[in-house]
Every structure is written in structure tokens, then in C-alpha cells.
C-alpha atoms as a PDB file:
ATOM      1  CA  UNK A   1      68.170  57.616  51.656  1.00  0.00           C
ATOM      2  CA  UNK A   2      67.541  58.158  55.316  1.00  0.00           C
ATOM      3  CA  UNK A   3      67.262  55.254  57.674  1.00  0.00           C
ATOM      4  CA  UNK A   4      64.195  54.227  59.601  1.00  0.00           C
ATOM      5  CA  UNK A   5      63.886  54.666  63.336  1.00  0.00           C
ATOM      6  CA  UNK A   6      64.475  51.206  64.771  1.00  0.00           C
ATOM      7  CA  UNK A   7      64.599  50.250  68.439  1.00  0.00           C
ATOM      8  CA  UNK A   8      66.167  46.876  69.157  1.00  0.00           C
ATOM      9  CA  UNK A   9      65.301  45.932  72.736  1.00  0.00           C
ATOM     10  CA  UNK A  10      65.802  42.597  74.474  1.00  0.00           C
ATOM     11  CA  UNK A  11      62.162  41.667  73.797  1.00  0.00           C
ATOM     12  CA  UNK A  12      61.407  42.997  70.303  1.00  0.00           C
ATOM     13  CA  UNK A  13      62.298  45.230  67.403  1.00  0.00           C
ATOM     14  CA  UNK A  14      60.162  48.327  66.833  1.00  0.00           C
ATOM     15  CA  UNK A  15      60.376  49.981  63.439  1.00  0.00           C
ATOM     16  CA  UNK A  16      58.740  53.342  62.720  1.00  0.00           C
ATOM     17  CA  UNK A  17      57.486  53.807  59.176  1.00  0.00           C
ATOM     18  CA  UNK A  18      57.899  57.153  57.437  1.00  0.00           C
ATOM     19  CA  UNK A  19      55.141  59.575  56.487  1.00  0.00           C
ATOM     20  CA  UNK A  20      55.411  58.816  52.765  1.00  0.00           C
ATOM     21  CA  UNK A  21      55.977  55.157  51.907  1.00  0.00           C
ATOM     22  CA  UNK A  22      56.178  55.040  48.117  1.00  0.00           C
ATOM     23  CA  UNK A  23      58.378  53.553  45.398  1.00  0.00           C
ATOM     24  CA  UNK A  24      61.271  55.827  46.349  1.00  0.00           C
ATOM     25  CA  UNK A  25      61.285  54.216  49.828  1.00  0.00           C
ATOM     26  CA  UNK A  26      60.843  50.595  48.745  1.00  0.00           C
ATOM     27  CA  UNK A  27      64.529  49.626  48.490  1.00  0.00           C
ATOM     28  CA  UNK A  28      65.424  51.384  51.741  1.00  0.00           C
ATOM     29  CA  UNK A  29      62.516  49.611  53.452  1.00  0.00           C
ATOM     30  CA  UNK A  30      63.631  46.248  52.041  1.00  0.00           C
ATOM     31  CA  UNK A  31      67.169  46.733  53.323  1.00  0.00           C
ATOM     32  CA  UNK A  32      65.895  47.795  56.743  1.00  0.00           C
ATOM     33  CA  UNK A  33      63.667  44.729  56.938  1.00  0.00           C
ATOM     34  CA  UNK A  34      66.585  42.471  56.000  1.00  0.00           C
ATOM     35  CA  UNK A  35      68.428  43.900  58.978  1.00  0.00           C
ATOM     36  CA  UNK A  36      65.409  43.217  61.213  1.00  0.00           C
ATOM     37  CA  UNK A  37      65.116  39.635  59.979  1.00  0.00           C
ATOM     38  CA  UNK A  38      68.623  38.732  61.077  1.00  0.00           C
ATOM     39  CA  UNK A  39      67.720  39.432  64.701  1.00  0.00           C
ATOM     40  CA  UNK A  40      64.829  36.914  64.807  1.00  0.00           C
ATOM     41  CA  UNK A  41      62.875  38.862  67.442  1.00  0.00           C
ATOM     42  CA  UNK A  42      59.198  39.865  67.521  1.00  0.00           C
ATOM     43  CA  UNK A  43      58.586  42.746  65.119  1.00  0.00           C
ATOM     44  CA  UNK A  44      56.403  45.721  65.894  1.00  0.00           C
ATOM     45  CA  UNK A  45      55.779  48.076  62.975  1.00  0.00           C
ATOM     46  CA  UNK A  46      54.829  51.584  64.131  1.00  0.00           C
ATOM     47  CA  UNK A  47      52.627  52.959  61.354  1.00  0.00           C
ATOM     48  CA  UNK A  48      51.018  55.942  63.060  1.00  0.00           C
ATOM     49  CA  UNK A  49      52.828  58.568  60.958  1.00  0.00           C
ATOM     50  CA  UNK A  50      52.010  57.049  57.547  1.00  0.00           C
ATOM     51  CA  UNK A  51      50.048  59.433  55.339  1.00  0.00           C
ATOM     52  CA  UNK A  52      50.575  57.502  52.104  1.00  0.00           C
ATOM     53  CA  UNK A  53      51.737  53.970  51.352  1.00  0.00           C
ATOM     54  CA  UNK A  54      51.911  52.462  47.880  1.00  0.00           C
ATOM     55  CA  UNK A  55      51.889  48.923  46.565  1.00  0.00           C
ATOM     56  CA  UNK A  56      55.682  48.331  46.459  1.00  0.00           C
ATOM     57  CA  UNK A  57      56.009  49.079  50.178  1.00  0.00           C
ATOM     58  CA  UNK A  58      52.951  46.978  50.966  1.00  0.00           C
ATOM     59  CA  UNK A  59      54.506  44.081  49.034  1.00  0.00           C
ATOM     60  CA  UNK A  60      57.674  44.365  51.093  1.00  0.00           C
ATOM     61  CA  UNK A  61      55.627  44.544  54.289  1.00  0.00           C
ATOM     62  CA  UNK A  62      53.716  41.386  53.357  1.00  0.00           C
ATOM     63  CA  UNK A  63      56.974  39.648  52.524  1.00  0.00           C
ATOM     64  CA  UNK A  64      58.239  40.491  56.009  1.00  0.00           C
ATOM     65  CA  UNK A  65      54.996  39.236  57.533  1.00  0.00           C
ATOM     66  CA  UNK A  66      55.278  35.945  55.622  1.00  0.00           C
ATOM     67  CA  UNK A  67      58.879  35.494  56.725  1.00  0.00           C
ATOM     68  CA  UNK A  68      57.931  36.180  60.341  1.00  0.00           C
ATOM     69  CA  UNK A  69      55.026  33.716  60.126  1.00  0.00           C
ATOM     70  CA  UNK A  70      57.274  31.042  58.620  1.00  0.00           C
ATOM     71  CA  UNK A  71      59.775  31.463  61.475  1.00  0.00           C
ATOM     72  CA  UNK A  72      57.092  31.711  64.194  1.00  0.00           C
ATOM     73  CA  UNK A  73      58.010  35.286  65.029  1.00  0.00           C
ATOM     74  CA  UNK A  74      55.345  37.654  66.337  1.00  0.00           C
ATOM     75  CA  UNK A  75      54.518  40.450  63.911  1.00  0.00           C
ATOM     76  CA  UNK A  76      52.232  43.404  64.575  1.00  0.00           C
ATOM     77  CA  UNK A  77      51.367  46.818  63.232  1.00  0.00           C
ATOM     78  CA  UNK A  78      50.685  49.509  65.802  1.00  0.00           C
ATOM     79  CA  UNK A  79      48.392  52.502  65.253  1.00  0.00           C
ATOM     80  CA  UNK A  80      47.586  51.817  61.609  1.00  0.00           C
ATOM     81  CA  UNK A  81      46.198  55.116  60.255  1.00  0.00           C
ATOM     82  CA  UNK A  82      43.239  55.384  57.912  1.00  0.00           C
ATOM     83  CA  UNK A  83      45.523  56.101  54.927  1.00  0.00           C
ATOM     84  CA  UNK A  84      47.235  52.750  55.513  1.00  0.00           C
ATOM     85  CA  UNK A  85      43.913  50.926  55.795  1.00  0.00           C
ATOM     86  CA  UNK A  86      42.628  52.622  52.657  1.00  0.00           C
ATOM     87  CA  UNK A  87      45.715  51.554  50.688  1.00  0.00           C
ATOM     88  CA  UNK A  88      45.182  47.949  51.807  1.00  0.00           C
ATOM     89  CA  UNK A  89      41.517  48.129  50.896  1.00  0.00           C
ATOM     90  CA  UNK A  90      42.317  49.637  47.469  1.00  0.00           C
ATOM     91  CA  UNK A  91      44.362  46.565  46.546  1.00  0.00           C
ATOM     92  CA  UNK A  92      42.022  44.109  48.253  1.00  0.00           C
ATOM     93  CA  UNK A  93      44.298  43.135  51.144  1.00  0.00           C
ATOM     94  CA  UNK A  94      42.879  44.848  54.228  1.00  0.00           C
ATOM     95  CA  UNK A  95      41.434  41.595  55.566  1.00  0.00           C
ATOM     96  CA  UNK A  96      44.905  40.021  55.677  1.00  0.00           C
ATOM     97  CA  UNK A  97      46.729  42.675  57.644  1.00  0.00           C
ATOM     98  CA  UNK A  98      44.045  44.430  59.672  1.00  0.00           C
ATOM     99  CA  UNK A  99      43.795  41.577  62.233  1.00  0.00           C
ATOM    100  CA  UNK A 100      47.463  42.185  63.071  1.00  0.00           C
ATOM    101  CA  UNK A 101      46.855  45.766  64.082  1.00  0.00           C
ATOM    102  CA  UNK A 102      47.446  46.698  67.676  1.00  0.00           C
ATOM    103  CA  UNK A 103      46.746  49.958  69.469  1.00  0.00           C
ATOM    104  CA  UNK A 104      49.227  51.546  71.823  1.00  0.00           C
END
């Protein structure tokens, strides 16, 4: 497993998602998010390189979003590509995450 690009600045944590986010990445993503959660800073997910994302990774992403909401931590997704939006739409969840999208 290779790690995710994460930038931990004074103001926020930025995490760049990989091109292929499927079942083989789910555990690595979960462990990376656990590391992010311990810092309790605003989270910016950089999704611009995602070409495919499957349900297990989306479940982990929603879990992170729920945790951030519960702890009043800002959470955003930057440059969500069409493949990401399509995956959300395919499982009926686009309306929940799309409002969090930000453009750089």
C-alpha cells in the first residue's frame, strides 16, 4: 500500500485521493482518515485525480464526513470530477455530498 498525499498546515489538512479508489484502497484510506481525525482540523479532500471510486471508499468518505460534522469540523471536497459525481449518483447519494464540493 502506498500512502496518500497529505498536507498538514496550521489551518487545515488537505488529502489528495488517488486515481483509482476501489476495494483495494479502502483499508489504506480508512487508516489515512483515522490519522486525519486525530488532528481535529478542517479537512479538504482533493478529488481532482479520481477516475474511479467504488462504494467501499465512498462509505469511508461518508463516515469521515459524519465524524467531522459531529465534531463541528469543516469538511470539503475540491474539484470533484465527473467520475466521482457519477459514482455518487449511481448509489443515490450525490445530493448529500455535492453541496460540499468546492472549486480551486
